[in-house]
Each structure stands twice: as structure tokens, then as C-alpha cells.
Amino acid sequence: MAEEIFIASTENLKDLKKQRKRICALVNRAIREKKDADLTSLTKVYALLYSAYVETSFLKLIHTPKAFTESEIMQIMAEHNLEEKWVKCVNLAFNRLNTTNLGEVANKKQTLNRLMQEYIIKPSLIRNKVAHGQWIYCLNSDCTKINQNTTTQIGNLDFVKIERYFCIYDKFHQCILDLLISHKTHFRDYYQIIAELKDYIESTKSWSLETKKHKILSSIKYQNYKEKYYKNGAY
């Protein structure tokens, strides 16, 4: 069963990556053509795509050959929600480490759990609202009143923030995969991957949709694009 799910998830993930490229191309086009309404729609779709990407990637991860036993996979999938499944996955992954340095294990767990909470679990709450059609106003869990805090977060969601989540998730995912199937290289590569991840988070924390727009609209490529459309009467 694990092999079948792994193969299916691998193919699903390949297609999601193709769709991601298409959406990115459409976003760049919407920016060049200054179609903000299209950009807003694409951003919501991109949030949904990220949710699908993480869920499919997670399934592929836990069904990776020689990663977990059938019993361990069942334990993970028996958890009630995404957060509990990830926590169980991380804890079981650390059982793979052949080390008596409990302090090192504790530090690594703490680092990965903190990254998981900040960049996987918290964003998943926003994605859930988008998936349930709460694109402007978000409701509380009982759907009895508006959740103003989440509504504000939805309003502040932009394409670049979601793109950062993709990149952060991929590096986080690599750390867990190394724990599962690359026991020897994990000790060599872990801190390098974590350092790269922290550097990326720090260097991109000021990135926003506005910075992306400025980069695109001030580029030579855009100037050539605009000149072409001037000639065709599109401007």
C-alpha cells in the first residue's frame, strides 16, 4: 500500500509543480498588464495550490520507501489534524537517528517544531479559510460571527508571502526527509540546510507584492513588453 501511495503522490506532486509554474506566469503577466483584479483571484488560487502541495508532499514523505513502517504510517494518519500529524511525523523521524546525544536531538526537535508552527501550521489556518470560501470575511470555528483577526490576515495575504511559504516548506521538508532516509548525511548536512533556511527567511522577510511589482515593472524585459503592446494599441 505504501508504495502505491508514494507513486500516486509523486505524480500528483509533479502536476502541482507544473500548475504552480503556470500560475506564477499568469501572476507576472497580471502585474505587467496591471490587472489587479486578476492578481487577487490568482493569489487565492495560489493559496489553495499551496495547501494541496503541502498535503500531497506530506503523503509522499511518510510513504517514502524505507522511511516509515506500515505501523508508523498508520500512527501518523490516525492523528486528528495536520499539526498532530506533523508532530508525530517529526518525533518518529528523530527515532531514526543513531545517537546518544540527547541534547542535540532536543535542540533539533525544538528548531524544526518552531519552524513547523510558524511556516506550516499557522499558514494552514488561513488556507483553510480560503478553502471554505471565506475570501473576504473569515468566520470563527462555529461560523457564528466574524473573526476579525483572521479577516485581517486574509486581507494582507499576497502572492509573495505564499511564494515564501513554498520555498520555506521545501527546505523544511528536506530536513525531515534526510532524517528518514539519509541518516549518515543528515549529520553532515542538517546544519547547512537549517542555516540556508534561516538565511532565506531573514533575507526575504521584507519582500512583498509591492517589491515584486517594482522589480518586474522596472525591468528591461517589462520595458520591451510595454513597447510591444504600445505598438499593438494595447496601452
Protein backbone atom coordinates (compact mmCIF):
# COMPACT_ATOMS: atom_id res chain seq x y z
CA MET A 1 0.00 0.00 0.00
CA ALA A 2 2.78 2.45 0.92
CA GLU A 3 4.45 2.07 -2.48
CA GLU A 4 1.17 2.72 -4.31
CA ILE A 5 0.50 5.89 -2.30
CA PHE A 6 4.09 7.05 -2.79
CA ILE A 7 3.87 6.65 -6.58
CA ALA A 8 0.46 8.34 -6.75
CA SER A 9 1.62 11.24 -4.56
CA THR A 10 4.79 11.64 -6.63
CA GLU A 11 2.74 12.01 -9.81
CA ASN A 12 0.28 14.37 -8.13
CA LEU A 13 3.16 16.49 -6.88
CA LYS A 14 4.70 16.69 -10.35
CA ASP A 15 1.43 18.04 -11.73
CA LEU A 16 1.06 20.53 -8.88
CA LYS A 17 4.54 21.85 -9.65
CA LYS A 18 3.51 22.35 -13.29
CA GLN A 19 0.38 24.22 -12.22
CA ARG A 20 2.49 26.33 -9.87
CA LYS A 21 4.67 27.46 -12.79
CA ARG A 22 1.58 28.33 -14.80
CA ILE A 23 0.10 30.42 -12.00
CA CYS A 24 3.42 32.21 -11.49
CA ALA A 25 3.50 33.07 -15.19
CA LEU A 26 -0.09 34.36 -15.02
CA VAL A 27 0.74 36.45 -11.94
CA ASN A 28 3.71 38.06 -13.68
CA ARG A 29 1.51 38.79 -16.67
CA ALA A 30 -1.21 40.32 -14.45
CA ILE A 31 1.43 42.57 -12.86
CA ARG A 32 2.79 43.66 -16.24
CA GLU A 33 -0.69 44.40 -17.52
CA LYS A 34 -1.69 45.99 -14.19
CA LYS A 35 -4.73 43.77 -13.78
CA ASP A 36 -5.14 43.88 -10.01
CA ALA A 37 -8.46 42.01 -10.05
CA ASP A 38 -6.80 39.07 -11.82
CA LEU A 39 -3.91 39.23 -9.38
CA THR A 40 -6.28 38.99 -6.40
CA SER A 41 -8.01 35.93 -7.87
CA LEU A 42 -4.71 34.24 -8.70
CA THR A 43 -3.43 34.85 -5.17
CA LYS A 44 -6.39 32.99 -3.65
CA VAL A 45 -5.93 30.14 -6.11
CA TYR A 46 -2.21 30.07 -5.27
CA ALA A 47 -3.07 29.72 -1.58
CA LEU A 48 -5.25 26.73 -2.41
CA LEU A 49 -2.47 25.26 -4.54
CA TYR A 50 -0.01 25.62 -1.66
CA SER A 51 -2.41 23.77 0.61
CA ALA A 52 -2.70 20.95 -1.93
CA TYR A 53 1.09 20.96 -2.43
CA VAL A 54 1.83 20.56 1.29
CA GLU A 55 -0.76 17.83 1.81
CA THR A 56 0.40 15.83 -1.20
CA SER A 57 4.05 16.32 -0.31
CA PHE A 58 3.34 15.14 3.23
CA LEU A 59 1.70 11.96 1.92
CA LYS A 60 4.68 11.33 -0.34
CA LEU A 61 7.07 11.94 2.56
CA ILE A 62 5.55 9.49 5.00
CA HIS A 63 5.12 6.82 2.31
CA THR A 64 8.70 7.17 1.02
CA PRO A 65 10.27 3.71 0.70
CA LYS A 66 12.25 2.71 3.81
CA ALA A 67 11.09 5.85 5.66
CA PHE A 68 8.37 4.58 7.98
CA THR A 69 6.89 1.17 8.70
CA GLU A 70 3.24 0.46 7.90
CA SER A 71 2.50 0.69 11.61
CA GLU A 72 4.16 4.11 11.88
CA ILE A 73 2.27 5.41 8.85
CA MET A 74 -0.98 4.30 10.46
CA GLN A 75 0.00 6.09 13.67
CA ILE A 76 0.64 9.32 11.78
CA MET A 77 -2.55 9.16 9.74
CA ALA A 78 -4.60 8.35 12.86
CA GLU A 79 -3.85 11.80 14.29
CA HIS A 80 -6.74 14.25 14.16
CA ASN A 81 -5.35 17.22 12.27
CA LEU A 82 -2.42 18.49 10.23
CA GLU A 83 -0.48 19.77 13.23
CA GLU A 84 -0.73 16.49 15.15
CA LYS A 85 0.26 14.50 12.07
CA TRP A 86 3.35 16.65 11.50
CA VAL A 87 4.36 16.45 15.18
CA LYS A 88 4.02 12.66 15.12
CA CYS A 89 6.00 12.52 11.86
CA VAL A 90 8.84 14.62 13.26
CA ASN A 91 9.00 12.64 16.51
CA LEU A 92 9.11 9.32 14.69
CA ALA A 93 11.72 10.68 12.27
CA PHE A 94 14.05 11.51 15.13
CA ASN A 95 13.81 7.91 16.30
CA ARG A 96 15.82 7.10 13.19
CA LEU A 97 18.88 8.96 14.45
CA ASN A 98 21.58 6.69 15.79
CA THR A 99 22.92 8.97 18.51
CA THR A 100 23.18 9.15 22.26
CA ASN A 101 23.45 12.95 22.21
CA LEU A 102 20.00 13.72 23.63
CA GLY A 103 20.81 17.43 23.84
CA GLU A 104 21.45 17.60 20.11
CA VAL A 105 18.20 15.75 19.39
CA ALA A 106 16.24 18.08 21.67
CA ASN A 107 17.72 21.18 20.01
CA LYS A 108 16.96 19.90 16.52
CA LYS A 109 13.40 18.98 17.51
CA GLN A 110 12.86 22.41 19.01
CA THR A 111 14.15 24.17 15.89
CA LEU A 112 12.08 22.09 13.47
CA ASN A 113 8.92 22.30 15.59
CA ARG A 114 9.27 26.08 15.79
CA LEU A 115 9.67 26.35 12.01
CA MET A 116 6.76 23.97 11.53
CA GLN A 117 4.46 26.04 13.74
CA GLU A 118 5.41 29.34 12.13
CA TYR A 119 5.52 28.40 8.46
CA ILE A 120 3.30 25.33 8.07
CA ILE A 121 0.69 25.17 10.82
CA LYS A 122 -0.15 28.87 11.14
CA PRO A 123 -0.48 29.43 7.37
CA SER A 124 -2.68 26.31 7.16
CA LEU A 125 -5.33 28.08 9.25
CA ILE A 126 -5.52 30.86 6.65
CA ARG A 127 -5.59 28.35 3.79
CA ASN A 128 -8.50 26.58 5.45
CA LYS A 129 -10.50 29.80 5.40
CA VAL A 130 -9.74 30.26 1.70
CA ALA A 131 -10.74 26.64 1.00
CA HIS A 132 -14.08 27.23 2.74
CA GLY A 133 -14.86 30.27 0.61
CA GLN A 134 -14.13 32.88 3.26
CA TRP A 135 -12.20 35.04 0.82
CA ILE A 136 -13.02 38.44 2.32
CA TYR A 137 -14.61 37.89 5.73
CA CYS A 138 -13.47 34.99 7.90
CA LEU A 139 -15.75 33.41 10.49
CA ASN A 140 -14.97 31.77 13.80
CA SER A 141 -14.80 27.97 14.06
CA ASP A 142 -18.52 27.75 14.86
CA CYS A 143 -19.44 30.11 11.98
CA THR A 144 -21.42 32.29 14.36
CA LYS A 145 -19.56 35.56 13.92
CA ILE A 146 -16.73 37.24 12.01
CA ASN A 147 -13.18 36.55 13.18
CA GLN A 148 -11.62 39.98 12.75
CA ASN A 149 -8.03 38.85 13.28
CA THR A 150 -8.20 36.16 10.59
CA THR A 151 -10.11 38.53 8.31
CA THR A 152 -7.21 40.98 8.58
CA GLN A 153 -4.71 38.21 7.80
CA ILE A 154 -6.68 37.22 4.69
CA GLY A 155 -6.72 40.85 3.61
CA ASN A 156 -2.94 41.05 3.99
CA LEU A 157 -2.29 37.82 2.12
CA ASP A 158 -0.36 38.35 -1.08
CA PHE A 159 1.31 36.24 -3.74
CA VAL A 160 4.85 36.84 -2.48
CA LYS A 161 4.04 35.66 1.05
CA ILE A 162 2.66 32.43 -0.35
CA GLU A 163 5.71 32.03 -2.58
CA ARG A 164 7.92 32.34 0.52
CA TYR A 165 5.89 29.59 2.18
CA PHE A 166 6.61 27.31 -0.78
CA CYS A 167 10.37 27.88 -0.53
CA ILE A 168 10.48 27.57 3.26
CA TYR A 169 8.40 24.42 3.19
CA ASP A 170 10.68 22.73 0.63
CA LYS A 171 13.75 23.23 2.82
CA PHE A 172 11.88 22.10 5.94
CA HIS A 173 10.68 19.03 4.05
CA GLN A 174 14.27 18.24 3.03
CA CYS A 175 15.36 18.25 6.68
CA ILE A 176 12.72 15.67 7.60
CA LEU A 177 13.47 13.54 4.54
CA ASP A 178 17.15 13.47 5.49
CA LEU A 179 16.22 12.27 8.96
CA LEU A 180 14.27 9.40 7.44
CA ILE A 181 16.47 8.09 4.65
CA SER A 182 19.86 9.82 4.86
CA HIS A 183 20.98 9.03 8.38
CA LYS A 184 24.70 9.43 7.73
CA THR A 185 24.50 12.55 5.57
CA HIS A 186 21.96 14.09 7.96
CA PHE A 187 24.69 14.77 10.50
CA ARG A 188 26.79 16.39 7.78
CA ASP A 189 24.06 18.39 6.04
CA TYR A 190 21.47 19.29 8.70
CA TYR A 191 23.04 22.50 9.98
CA GLN A 192 23.83 23.67 6.45
CA ILE A 193 20.19 23.25 5.40
CA ILE A 194 18.93 24.95 8.55
CA ALA A 195 21.41 27.81 8.05
CA GLU A 196 20.25 28.23 4.45
CA LEU A 197 16.63 28.20 5.61
CA LYS A 198 17.23 30.81 8.30
CA ASP A 199 19.19 32.97 5.87
CA TYR A 200 16.36 32.76 3.35
CA ILE A 201 13.76 33.68 5.97
CA GLU A 202 15.82 36.65 7.12
CA SER A 203 16.77 37.92 3.66
CA THR A 204 13.19 37.74 2.34
CA LYS A 205 11.23 38.97 5.35
CA SER A 206 10.79 42.41 3.79
CA TRP A 207 9.65 41.02 0.45
CA SER A 208 6.10 41.88 -0.53
CA LEU A 209 3.88 42.14 -3.55
CA GLU A 210 4.96 45.74 -3.92
CA THR A 211 8.64 44.79 -4.11
CA LYS A 212 7.80 42.16 -6.73
CA LYS A 213 5.80 44.67 -8.75
CA HIS A 214 8.65 47.17 -8.62
CA LYS A 215 11.15 44.55 -9.75
CA ILE A 216 9.01 43.49 -12.71
CA LEU A 217 7.85 46.93 -13.80
CA SER A 218 11.34 48.41 -13.66
CA SER A 219 12.97 45.59 -15.62
CA ILE A 220 14.27 45.82 -19.18
CA LYS A 221 12.05 42.88 -20.06
CA TYR A 222 8.98 44.87 -19.00
CA GLN A 223 10.05 47.92 -20.97
CA ASN A 224 10.32 45.76 -24.08
CA TYR A 225 6.96 44.18 -23.28
CA LYS A 226 5.31 47.58 -22.87
CA GLU A 227 6.83 48.87 -26.09
CA LYS A 228 5.44 45.86 -27.93
CA TYR A 229 1.96 46.46 -26.57
CA TYR A 230 2.10 50.18 -27.33
CA LYS A 231 2.65 49.27 -30.96
CA ASN A 232 -0.33 46.91 -30.86
CA GLY A 233 -2.54 49.58 -29.28
CA ALA A 234 -2.99 47.70 -26.00
CA TYR A 235 -1.97 50.74 -23.92
